[in-house]
Amino acid sequence: MYKLSKDYEQLYSLILDKKKPICFIDDADKRGKHICWIERTKYGIEWTRNGGDFGCVSEKYINECGGEKKAFINLCQEFDCEWVQP
């Protein structure tokens, strides 16, 4: 069994350390979860699943939230992200 976490501060730190954590996020209609990974790319921090981008912490959203970390945590909460601890 995998240990899941919603410690988004720790998750953010892992991403800054160039890790690609696996996570589960809500689908658009909140009826199920998708398995994906999170990584920092040239476009920012991205959630990727099934070979496609699920979401991204964009520059615009970072500016709206007052910083990348806050924007990242907001999206994690919106996606109800649970990540697999290493």
Protein backbone atom coordinates (compact mmCIF):
# COMPACT_ATOMS: atom_id res chain seq x y z
CA MET A 1 0.00 0.00 0.00
CA TYR A 2 1.21 3.50 -0.83
CA LYS A 3 1.28 6.27 1.74
CA LEU A 4 -0.52 9.31 0.33
CA SER A 5 0.00 12.86 1.51
CA LYS A 6 -1.54 16.30 1.15
CA ASP A 7 1.55 18.03 2.55
CA TYR A 8 1.89 20.48 -0.33
CA GLU A 9 4.85 22.30 1.23
CA GLN A 10 6.87 19.06 1.16
CA LEU A 11 5.63 18.29 -2.36
CA TYR A 12 6.76 21.74 -3.54
CA SER A 13 10.21 21.10 -2.02
CA LEU A 14 10.49 17.78 -3.88
CA ILE A 15 9.68 19.49 -7.16
CA LEU A 16 12.29 22.16 -6.50
CA ASP A 17 14.77 19.28 -5.99
CA LYS A 18 13.90 18.08 -9.55
CA LYS A 19 11.88 15.07 -8.39
CA LYS A 20 8.78 13.90 -10.32
CA PRO A 21 6.31 12.77 -7.64
CA ILE A 22 3.36 10.55 -8.60
CA CYS A 23 -0.02 11.85 -7.51
CA PHE A 24 -3.77 11.34 -7.76
CA ILE A 25 -5.94 14.30 -8.78
CA ASP A 26 -9.68 14.76 -9.27
CA ASP A 27 -11.05 14.55 -12.78
CA ALA A 28 -13.04 17.51 -14.11
CA ASP A 29 -16.41 16.31 -12.81
CA LYS A 30 -15.02 15.11 -9.45
CA ARG A 31 -16.26 11.53 -10.01
CA GLY A 32 -12.85 9.88 -9.97
CA LYS A 33 -9.11 10.34 -9.78
CA HIS A 34 -6.37 10.46 -12.40
CA ILE A 35 -2.85 9.20 -11.84
CA CYS A 36 -0.24 11.70 -12.94
CA TRP A 37 3.16 13.09 -12.06
CA ILE A 38 4.31 16.61 -11.28
CA GLU A 39 7.48 18.20 -12.60
CA ARG A 40 9.09 21.52 -13.31
CA THR A 41 9.42 22.12 -17.05
CA LYS A 42 10.42 25.13 -19.11
CA TYR A 43 6.75 26.19 -18.87
CA GLY A 44 6.55 25.98 -15.08
CA ILE A 45 5.26 23.31 -12.70
CA GLU A 46 3.02 20.87 -14.59
CA TRP A 47 0.71 17.97 -13.78
CA THR A 48 1.04 15.42 -16.59
CA ARG A 49 -1.16 12.38 -17.23
CA ASN A 50 -1.62 9.92 -20.06
CA GLY A 51 0.96 11.76 -22.13
CA GLY A 52 -0.86 15.08 -21.82
CA ASP A 53 -0.72 18.15 -19.65
CA PHE A 54 -3.46 18.26 -16.99
CA GLY A 55 -2.58 21.60 -15.45
CA CYS A 56 0.19 24.13 -15.11
CA VAL A 57 1.20 26.85 -12.68
CA SER A 58 1.28 29.65 -15.26
CA GLU A 59 3.06 32.99 -14.93
CA LYS A 60 -0.31 34.73 -14.99
CA TYR A 61 -1.62 32.59 -12.12
CA ILE A 62 1.62 33.08 -10.17
CA ASN A 63 1.19 36.85 -10.47
CA GLU A 64 -2.48 36.64 -9.44
CA CYS A 65 -1.61 34.57 -6.35
CA GLY A 66 1.44 36.57 -5.34
CA GLY A 67 4.05 33.86 -5.87
CA GLU A 68 4.75 30.44 -7.35
CA LYS A 69 4.52 28.48 -4.11
CA LYS A 70 1.13 29.94 -3.20
CA ALA A 71 -0.16 29.36 -6.74
CA PHE A 72 1.08 25.76 -6.65
CA ILE A 73 -0.58 25.05 -3.29
CA ASN A 74 -3.85 26.63 -4.50
CA LEU A 75 -3.92 24.34 -7.54
CA CYS A 76 -3.09 21.29 -5.41
CA GLN A 77 -6.08 22.10 -3.23
CA GLU A 78 -8.31 22.71 -6.26
CA PHE A 79 -7.28 19.36 -7.79
CA ASP A 80 -7.58 17.61 -4.38
CA CYS A 81 -4.07 16.34 -5.06
CA GLU A 82 -2.79 13.39 -3.02
CA TRP A 83 0.78 12.41 -3.73
CA VAL A 84 2.74 9.21 -3.11
CA GLN A 85 5.44 9.79 -0.52
CA PRO A 86 8.88 8.46 -1.48
